[in-house]
Structures are given as C-alpha cells and as structure tokens.
Amino acid sequence: MTRLLVWSLSPVGTLLNAAMLFFVLVLAGVHWSRPLLWIAVVIFLSASAYFDLRAYVARRRHGQSAYEAGEAVMDRIWGPRSEEDEA
C-alpha cells in the first residue's frame, strides 16, 4: 500500500491521474475539442503540481526519501505497523 501511495503522489501519478480525468470526461460525452475540457485538465495539473512541489520541499526539509514519507503518511492514517505485520 505504501508503494501505491508513493507512486500516486509522485509527478508520474499526477500525469496518470490527469490522463484518466481527460479520458473519463471524454467518455462522459465531453468533446475533446471543447476548451472547458482542457481548462479543467490544466487546472487539475496546476493544483497537483503545486501540491507535488510542496510535498517534495517538505520531504527534503525532513531528509526523507519518497518511501519514508509514504510510510510516515501510512503511519499517521492507520497508526504504526505492529510487529506481527512486519514478520
């Protein structure tokens, strides 16, 4: 689960999520040449890039790798892993 979180919070995950947003909107009936479709995708990418940069700066400030930051997020959400889970 931590690896999935690390990939989804990376710039690669942002691009993949933007592509999925585009395809879902096109499948929902929005024509690909409509400007509002592209504005929605650009807004999504802009917001995601902003949060990616903030997460990167915070991670570097604490001296963590992407995987360590992912584990910290998982620990904060679900609590630290028990010794039974690690075995």
N, C-alpha and C. Protein backbone atom coordinates (compact mmCIF):
# COMPACT_ATOMS: atom_id res chain seq x y z
N MET A 1 0.82 -1.18 0.00
CA MET A 1 0.00 0.00 0.00
C MET A 1 0.87 1.26 0.00
N THR A 2 2.00 1.19 0.70
CA THR A 2 2.89 2.35 0.76
C THR A 2 3.45 2.66 -0.62
N ARG A 3 3.83 1.64 -1.36
CA ARG A 3 4.37 1.86 -2.71
C ARG A 3 3.32 2.49 -3.62
N LEU A 4 2.08 2.06 -3.51
CA LEU A 4 1.00 2.65 -4.29
C LEU A 4 0.83 4.11 -3.92
N LEU A 5 0.91 4.43 -2.65
CA LEU A 5 0.81 5.82 -2.20
C LEU A 5 1.97 6.65 -2.74
N VAL A 6 3.18 6.10 -2.69
CA VAL A 6 4.35 6.83 -3.20
C VAL A 6 4.19 7.13 -4.67
N TRP A 7 3.77 6.16 -5.46
CA TRP A 7 3.59 6.38 -6.90
C TRP A 7 2.45 7.34 -7.20
N SER A 8 1.37 7.24 -6.43
CA SER A 8 0.23 8.12 -6.72
C SER A 8 0.52 9.57 -6.34
N LEU A 9 1.42 9.80 -5.39
CA LEU A 9 1.77 11.16 -5.00
C LEU A 9 2.97 11.71 -5.77
N SER A 10 3.50 10.95 -6.71
CA SER A 10 4.64 11.40 -7.49
C SER A 10 4.15 12.16 -8.74
N PRO A 11 5.05 12.87 -9.41
CA PRO A 11 4.67 13.54 -10.66
C PRO A 11 4.16 12.56 -11.72
N VAL A 12 4.67 11.34 -11.72
CA VAL A 12 4.17 10.32 -12.65
C VAL A 12 2.70 10.03 -12.36
N GLY A 13 2.37 9.92 -11.09
CA GLY A 13 0.97 9.70 -10.70
C GLY A 13 0.09 10.86 -11.07
N THR A 14 0.63 12.08 -10.96
CA THR A 14 -0.14 13.27 -11.34
C THR A 14 -0.48 13.24 -12.82
N LEU A 15 0.49 12.91 -13.64
CA LEU A 15 0.24 12.84 -15.09
C LEU A 15 -0.75 11.73 -15.43
N LEU A 16 -0.61 10.59 -14.75
CA LEU A 16 -1.54 9.49 -14.98
C LEU A 16 -2.95 9.87 -14.56
N ASN A 17 -3.09 10.54 -13.42
CA ASN A 17 -4.41 10.98 -12.96
C ASN A 17 -5.01 12.02 -13.90
N ALA A 18 -4.20 12.92 -14.45
CA ALA A 18 -4.69 13.91 -15.40
C ALA A 18 -5.17 13.22 -16.68
N ALA A 19 -4.43 12.22 -17.14
CA ALA A 19 -4.85 11.48 -18.33
C ALA A 19 -6.16 10.73 -18.07
N MET A 20 -6.28 10.16 -16.89
CA MET A 20 -7.53 9.46 -16.55
C MET A 20 -8.69 10.44 -16.46
N LEU A 21 -8.46 11.64 -15.91
CA LEU A 21 -9.50 12.66 -15.87
C LEU A 21 -9.96 13.02 -17.27
N PHE A 22 -9.01 13.22 -18.18
CA PHE A 22 -9.32 13.54 -19.56
C PHE A 22 -10.19 12.44 -20.19
N PHE A 23 -9.76 11.19 -20.04
CA PHE A 23 -10.49 10.09 -20.67
C PHE A 23 -11.87 9.88 -20.05
N VAL A 24 -12.00 10.07 -18.75
CA VAL A 24 -13.31 9.94 -18.11
C VAL A 24 -14.26 11.02 -18.62
N LEU A 25 -13.75 12.24 -18.74
CA LEU A 25 -14.60 13.32 -19.24
C LEU A 25 -15.00 13.08 -20.70
N VAL A 26 -14.06 12.59 -21.50
CA VAL A 26 -14.39 12.28 -22.90
C VAL A 26 -15.40 11.14 -22.97
N LEU A 27 -15.23 10.12 -22.13
CA LEU A 27 -16.19 9.01 -22.11
C LEU A 27 -17.55 9.46 -21.61
N ALA A 28 -17.58 10.49 -20.78
CA ALA A 28 -18.85 11.02 -20.26
C ALA A 28 -19.58 11.86 -21.31
N GLY A 29 -18.92 12.13 -22.43
CA GLY A 29 -19.60 12.84 -23.51
C GLY A 29 -19.04 14.21 -23.85
N VAL A 30 -18.00 14.65 -23.17
CA VAL A 30 -17.41 15.95 -23.49
C VAL A 30 -16.55 15.78 -24.74
N HIS A 31 -16.76 16.62 -25.72
CA HIS A 31 -15.96 16.53 -26.95
C HIS A 31 -14.55 17.02 -26.67
N TRP A 32 -13.55 16.32 -27.22
CA TRP A 32 -12.16 16.63 -26.91
C TRP A 32 -11.71 18.01 -27.39
N SER A 33 -12.46 18.64 -28.29
CA SER A 33 -12.05 19.95 -28.80
C SER A 33 -12.64 21.11 -27.99
N ARG A 34 -13.44 20.82 -26.98
CA ARG A 34 -14.04 21.89 -26.16
C ARG A 34 -13.00 22.51 -25.24
N PRO A 35 -12.94 23.83 -25.20
CA PRO A 35 -11.95 24.49 -24.35
C PRO A 35 -12.12 24.22 -22.86
N LEU A 36 -13.36 24.04 -22.40
CA LEU A 36 -13.58 23.78 -20.98
C LEU A 36 -12.97 22.46 -20.52
N LEU A 37 -12.92 21.48 -21.40
CA LEU A 37 -12.26 20.22 -21.08
C LEU A 37 -10.79 20.46 -20.79
N TRP A 38 -10.14 21.21 -21.66
CA TRP A 38 -8.72 21.47 -21.50
C TRP A 38 -8.46 22.38 -20.30
N ILE A 39 -9.37 23.31 -20.03
CA ILE A 39 -9.21 24.17 -18.85
C ILE A 39 -9.29 23.33 -17.58
N ALA A 40 -10.21 22.39 -17.54
CA ALA A 40 -10.34 21.51 -16.37
C ALA A 40 -9.07 20.69 -16.16
N VAL A 41 -8.51 20.16 -17.25
CA VAL A 41 -7.28 19.36 -17.14
C VAL A 41 -6.11 20.24 -16.69
N VAL A 42 -6.02 21.46 -17.23
CA VAL A 42 -4.93 22.37 -16.85
C VAL A 42 -5.07 22.78 -15.38
N ILE A 43 -6.28 23.05 -14.92
CA ILE A 43 -6.48 23.40 -13.51
C ILE A 43 -6.07 22.23 -12.61
N PHE A 44 -6.46 21.02 -13.00
CA PHE A 44 -6.08 19.84 -12.23
C PHE A 44 -4.56 19.69 -12.19
N LEU A 45 -3.90 19.83 -13.34
CA LEU A 45 -2.44 19.70 -13.37
C LEU A 45 -1.76 20.80 -12.56
N SER A 46 -2.27 22.00 -12.62
CA SER A 46 -1.67 23.11 -11.87
C SER A 46 -1.78 22.88 -10.36
N ALA A 47 -2.96 22.51 -9.91
CA ALA A 47 -3.14 22.24 -8.49
C ALA A 47 -2.29 21.06 -8.03
N SER A 48 -2.25 20.02 -8.84
CA SER A 48 -1.45 18.84 -8.49
C SER A 48 0.04 19.17 -8.46
N ALA A 49 0.50 19.96 -9.41
CA ALA A 49 1.92 20.34 -9.44
C ALA A 49 2.27 21.15 -8.20
N TYR A 50 1.39 22.06 -7.81
CA TYR A 50 1.61 22.85 -6.61
C TYR A 50 1.75 21.95 -5.38
N PHE A 51 0.85 20.99 -5.22
CA PHE A 51 0.91 20.10 -4.07
C PHE A 51 2.11 19.16 -4.16
N ASP A 52 2.48 18.71 -5.36
CA ASP A 52 3.67 17.88 -5.52
C ASP A 52 4.92 18.64 -5.09
N LEU A 53 5.04 19.89 -5.49
CA LEU A 53 6.21 20.69 -5.10
C LEU A 53 6.25 20.93 -3.59
N ARG A 54 5.09 21.21 -3.01
CA ARG A 54 5.06 21.41 -1.55
C ARG A 54 5.46 20.13 -0.82
N ALA A 55 4.98 18.99 -1.28
CA ALA A 55 5.33 17.72 -0.65
C ALA A 55 6.82 17.43 -0.82
N TYR A 56 7.37 17.73 -2.00
CA TYR A 56 8.79 17.49 -2.24
C TYR A 56 9.65 18.36 -1.33
N VAL A 57 9.30 19.64 -1.20
CA VAL A 57 10.06 20.55 -0.34
C VAL A 57 9.98 20.10 1.12
N ALA A 58 8.80 19.74 1.58
CA ALA A 58 8.64 19.28 2.96
C ALA A 58 9.42 17.99 3.20
N ARG A 59 9.39 17.10 2.25
CA ARG A 59 10.11 15.83 2.38
C ARG A 59 11.60 16.06 2.44
N ARG A 60 12.12 16.94 1.59
CA ARG A 60 13.55 17.23 1.58
C ARG A 60 13.97 17.95 2.85
N ARG A 61 13.09 18.80 3.37
CA ARG A 61 13.40 19.53 4.60
C ARG A 61 13.59 18.55 5.76
N HIS A 62 12.83 17.46 5.76
CA HIS A 62 12.95 16.46 6.82
C HIS A 62 13.97 15.38 6.48
N GLY A 63 14.56 15.45 5.30
CA GLY A 63 15.58 14.48 4.90
C GLY A 63 15.05 13.08 4.66
N GLN A 64 13.83 12.99 4.14
CA GLN A 64 13.22 11.69 3.92
C GLN A 64 13.22 11.33 2.44
N SER A 65 13.29 10.03 2.19
CA SER A 65 13.08 9.55 0.83
C SER A 65 11.58 9.51 0.57
N ALA A 66 11.21 9.27 -0.67
CA ALA A 66 9.79 9.20 -1.02
C ALA A 66 9.12 8.03 -0.28
N TYR A 67 9.82 6.91 -0.16
CA TYR A 67 9.25 5.76 0.52
C TYR A 67 9.08 6.03 2.01
N GLU A 68 10.07 6.69 2.64
CA GLU A 68 9.95 7.03 4.06
C GLU A 68 8.79 7.99 4.31
N ALA A 69 8.61 8.94 3.41
CA ALA A 69 7.48 9.86 3.55
C ALA A 69 6.16 9.11 3.39
N GLY A 70 6.10 8.17 2.46
CA GLY A 70 4.90 7.35 2.29
C GLY A 70 4.59 6.53 3.53
N GLU A 71 5.63 5.97 4.14
CA GLU A 71 5.42 5.21 5.37
C GLU A 71 4.92 6.13 6.50
N ALA A 72 5.46 7.35 6.56
CA ALA A 72 5.00 8.30 7.59
C ALA A 72 3.53 8.64 7.40
N VAL A 73 3.10 8.80 6.16
CA VAL A 73 1.69 9.08 5.88
C VAL A 73 0.83 7.88 6.29
N MET A 74 1.27 6.70 5.93
CA MET A 74 0.51 5.49 6.30
C MET A 74 0.43 5.36 7.82
N ASP A 75 1.54 5.62 8.53
CA ASP A 75 1.52 5.55 9.99
C ASP A 75 0.57 6.58 10.59
N ARG A 76 0.55 7.75 9.99
CA ARG A 76 -0.34 8.79 10.52
C ARG A 76 -1.80 8.43 10.31
N ILE A 77 -2.11 7.82 9.17
CA ILE A 77 -3.50 7.46 8.87
C ILE A 77 -3.95 6.24 9.68
N TRP A 78 -3.17 5.16 9.65
CA TRP A 78 -3.59 3.90 10.26
C TRP A 78 -2.81 3.52 11.50
N GLY A 79 -1.88 4.33 11.94
CA GLY A 79 -1.08 4.01 13.11
C GLY A 79 0.15 3.22 12.71
N PRO A 80 1.12 3.13 13.60
CA PRO A 80 2.35 2.40 13.27
C PRO A 80 2.08 0.92 13.06
N ARG A 81 2.92 0.31 12.25
CA ARG A 81 2.76 -1.12 11.96
C ARG A 81 3.11 -1.93 13.20
N SER A 82 2.35 -2.97 13.45
CA SER A 82 2.64 -3.82 14.59
C SER A 82 3.74 -4.81 14.21
N GLU A 83 4.33 -5.45 15.22
CA GLU A 83 5.40 -6.40 14.96
C GLU A 83 4.91 -7.62 14.20
N GLU A 84 3.62 -7.97 14.35
CA GLU A 84 3.05 -9.09 13.61
C GLU A 84 3.00 -8.83 12.12
N ASP A 85 2.74 -7.56 11.73
CA ASP A 85 2.65 -7.21 10.31
C ASP A 85 4.02 -7.25 9.64
N GLU A 86 5.08 -6.95 10.37
CA GLU A 86 6.41 -6.89 9.79
C GLU A 86 7.00 -8.26 9.56
N ALA A 87 6.55 -9.28 10.30
CA ALA A 87 7.11 -10.63 10.18
C ALA A 87 6.63 -11.34 8.95
